[in-house]
Amino acid sequence: MSIPDDRLANEIIARLNILIEDPEVRKDIDALIEARVEVSETTADHPLIQVSEGGRLGFLGLLNGIVGLIPEGSKAGWGFITAICDDDGKLVRFTRTV
């Protein structure tokens, strides 16, 4: 039985939020979220993986590619998972894209 994308997103968000309860883990995951790597044109053109302008892929772009994209509504084509950061750009928590 397959899990709908939104249920998978909820589970991943819950687990990520548990992981980042530890300040050191939060710091490391924050750094991972900020990191970007150049990718091939094939990856950049993939219909699920979210690659930024300039062909750079980050953790959330890959994670949302695994989970899938929001199928309809005002956020159609966006990823289900969003990282919330404070005013200084530091990771606070993960949540569903709204």
C-alpha atoms as a PDB file:
ATOM      1  CA  MET A   1       0.000   0.000   0.000  1.00  0.00           C
ATOM      2  CA  SER A   2       1.440   3.379  -0.939  1.00  0.00           C
ATOM      3  CA  ILE A   3       1.420   6.312   1.448  1.00  0.00           C
ATOM      4  CA  PRO A   4      -0.087   9.526   0.068  1.00  0.00           C
ATOM      5  CA  ASP A   5       2.541  12.252  -0.263  1.00  0.00           C
ATOM      6  CA  ASP A   6       0.985  14.413   2.432  1.00  0.00           C
ATOM      7  CA  ARG A   7       1.096  11.615   5.025  1.00  0.00           C
ATOM      8  CA  LEU A   8       4.724  10.901   4.204  1.00  0.00           C
ATOM      9  CA  ALA A   9       5.492  14.615   4.525  1.00  0.00           C
ATOM     10  CA  ASN A  10       3.817  14.744   7.941  1.00  0.00           C
ATOM     11  CA  GLU A  11       5.883  11.801   9.170  1.00  0.00           C
ATOM     12  CA  ILE A  12       9.171  13.248   7.905  1.00  0.00           C
ATOM     13  CA  ILE A  13       8.346  16.656   9.415  1.00  0.00           C
ATOM     14  CA  ALA A  14       7.570  15.069  12.786  1.00  0.00           C
ATOM     15  CA  ARG A  15      10.837  13.115  12.764  1.00  0.00           C
ATOM     16  CA  LEU A  16      12.924  16.098  11.667  1.00  0.00           C
ATOM     17  CA  ASN A  17      11.418  18.195  14.457  1.00  0.00           C
ATOM     18  CA  ILE A  18      12.338  15.497  16.984  1.00  0.00           C
ATOM     19  CA  LEU A  19      15.901  15.433  15.635  1.00  0.00           C
ATOM     20  CA  ILE A  20      16.368  19.183  15.932  1.00  0.00           C
ATOM     21  CA  GLU A  21      15.325  19.266  19.587  1.00  0.00           C
ATOM     22  CA  ASP A  22      19.054  18.759  20.237  1.00  0.00           C
ATOM     23  CA  PRO A  23      20.753  22.147  19.623  1.00  0.00           C
ATOM     24  CA  GLU A  24      23.879  20.569  18.109  1.00  0.00           C
ATOM     25  CA  VAL A  25      21.844  18.458  15.699  1.00  0.00           C
ATOM     26  CA  ARG A  26      19.773  21.549  14.832  1.00  0.00           C
ATOM     27  CA  LYS A  27      22.964  23.444  14.013  1.00  0.00           C
ATOM     28  CA  ASP A  28      24.204  20.652  11.735  1.00  0.00           C
ATOM     29  CA  ILE A  29      20.884  20.245   9.929  1.00  0.00           C
ATOM     30  CA  ASP A  30      20.686  24.025   9.533  1.00  0.00           C
ATOM     31  CA  ALA A  31      24.083  23.926   7.805  1.00  0.00           C
ATOM     32  CA  LEU A  32      22.880  21.088   5.589  1.00  0.00           C
ATOM     33  CA  ILE A  33      19.805  23.092   4.593  1.00  0.00           C
ATOM     34  CA  GLU A  34      22.004  26.041   3.649  1.00  0.00           C
ATOM     35  CA  ALA A  35      24.355  23.921   1.523  1.00  0.00           C
ATOM     36  CA  ARG A  36      23.811  23.740  -2.226  1.00  0.00           C
ATOM     37  CA  VAL A  37      25.522  21.636  -4.881  1.00  0.00           C
ATOM     38  CA  GLU A  38      25.615  22.138  -8.608  1.00  0.00           C
ATOM     39  CA  VAL A  39      23.656  19.486 -10.443  1.00  0.00           C
ATOM     40  CA  SER A  40      23.422  18.142 -13.948  1.00  0.00           C
ATOM     41  CA  GLU A  41      20.846  19.420 -16.389  1.00  0.00           C
ATOM     42  CA  THR A  42      19.046  16.078 -16.048  1.00  0.00           C
ATOM     43  CA  THR A  43      18.601  16.582 -12.306  1.00  0.00           C
ATOM     44  CA  ALA A  44      17.690  20.248 -12.763  1.00  0.00           C
ATOM     45  CA  ASP A  45      14.981  19.244 -15.245  1.00  0.00           C
ATOM     46  CA  HIS A  46      13.578  16.422 -13.106  1.00  0.00           C
ATOM     47  CA  PRO A  47       9.831  16.961 -12.573  1.00  0.00           C
ATOM     48  CA  LEU A  48       9.963  16.318  -8.803  1.00  0.00           C
ATOM     49  CA  ILE A  49      13.348  17.506  -7.572  1.00  0.00           C
ATOM     50  CA  GLN A  50      13.320  21.199  -6.721  1.00  0.00           C
ATOM     51  CA  VAL A  51      16.445  22.922  -8.011  1.00  0.00           C
ATOM     52  CA  SER A  52      17.082  26.635  -7.588  1.00  0.00           C
ATOM     53  CA  GLU A  53      17.845  29.038 -10.389  1.00  0.00           C
ATOM     54  CA  GLY A  54      21.369  28.407 -11.534  1.00  0.00           C
ATOM     55  CA  GLY A  55      21.068  24.629 -11.166  1.00  0.00           C
ATOM     56  CA  ARG A  56      21.815  24.222  -7.470  1.00  0.00           C
ATOM     57  CA  LEU A  57      20.213  21.579  -5.263  1.00  0.00           C
ATOM     58  CA  GLY A  58      19.738  21.703  -1.510  1.00  0.00           C
ATOM     59  CA  PHE A  59      18.524  19.312   1.165  1.00  0.00           C
ATOM     60  CA  LEU A  60      14.898  20.482   1.051  1.00  0.00           C
ATOM     61  CA  GLY A  61      14.790  20.336  -2.737  1.00  0.00           C
ATOM     62  CA  LEU A  62      15.858  16.701  -2.627  1.00  0.00           C
ATOM     63  CA  LEU A  63      13.632  15.860   0.335  1.00  0.00           C
ATOM     64  CA  ASN A  64      10.602  17.381  -1.362  1.00  0.00           C
ATOM     65  CA  GLY A  65      11.516  15.456  -4.502  1.00  0.00           C
ATOM     66  CA  ILE A  66      11.319  12.247  -2.492  1.00  0.00           C
ATOM     67  CA  VAL A  67       8.005  13.199  -0.879  1.00  0.00           C
ATOM     68  CA  GLY A  68       6.438  14.659  -4.004  1.00  0.00           C
ATOM     69  CA  LEU A  69       4.832  17.939  -4.902  1.00  0.00           C
ATOM     70  CA  ILE A  70       1.590  19.535  -3.792  1.00  0.00           C
ATOM     71  CA  PRO A  71      -0.818  18.498  -6.555  1.00  0.00           C
ATOM     72  CA  GLU A  72      -3.346  21.352  -6.528  1.00  0.00           C
ATOM     73  CA  GLY A  73      -4.287  24.701  -5.090  1.00  0.00           C
ATOM     74  CA  SER A  74      -2.304  27.903  -4.750  1.00  0.00           C
ATOM     75  CA  LYS A  75       0.886  25.974  -3.902  1.00  0.00           C
ATOM     76  CA  ALA A  76       0.575  23.377  -6.677  1.00  0.00           C
ATOM     77  CA  GLY A  77       4.047  22.255  -7.701  1.00  0.00           C
ATOM     78  CA  TRP A  78       5.654  23.313  -4.420  1.00  0.00           C
ATOM     79  CA  GLY A  79       7.125  20.833  -1.943  1.00  0.00           C
ATOM     80  CA  PHE A  80       5.167  19.714   1.112  1.00  0.00           C
ATOM     81  CA  ILE A  81       8.035  20.395   3.553  1.00  0.00           C
ATOM     82  CA  THR A  82       9.164  23.873   4.605  1.00  0.00           C
ATOM     83  CA  ALA A  83      11.918  24.912   6.998  1.00  0.00           C
ATOM     84  CA  ILE A  84      10.995  27.818   9.275  1.00  0.00           C
ATOM     85  CA  CYS A  85      13.868  30.095  10.243  1.00  0.00           C
ATOM     86  CA  ASP A  86      14.109  32.960  12.723  1.00  0.00           C
ATOM     87  CA  ASP A  87      14.972  36.559  11.830  1.00  0.00           C
ATOM     88  CA  ASP A  88      18.681  35.643  11.882  1.00  0.00           C
ATOM     89  CA  GLY A  89      18.113  32.850   9.362  1.00  0.00           C
ATOM     90  CA  LYS A  90      18.595  30.047  11.897  1.00  0.00           C
ATOM     91  CA  LEU A  91      16.455  26.910  11.702  1.00  0.00           C
ATOM     92  CA  VAL A  92      13.508  26.895  14.128  1.00  0.00           C
ATOM     93  CA  ARG A  93      11.379  23.979  12.947  1.00  0.00           C
ATOM     94  CA  PHE A  94       9.973  22.118   9.976  1.00  0.00           C
ATOM     95  CA  THR A  95       6.347  22.413   8.918  1.00  0.00           C
ATOM     96  CA  ARG A  96       3.934  21.740   6.078  1.00  0.00           C
ATOM     97  CA  THR A  97       3.962  24.265   3.272  1.00  0.00           C
ATOM     98  CA  VAL A  98       0.960  26.565   3.687  1.00  0.00           C
END
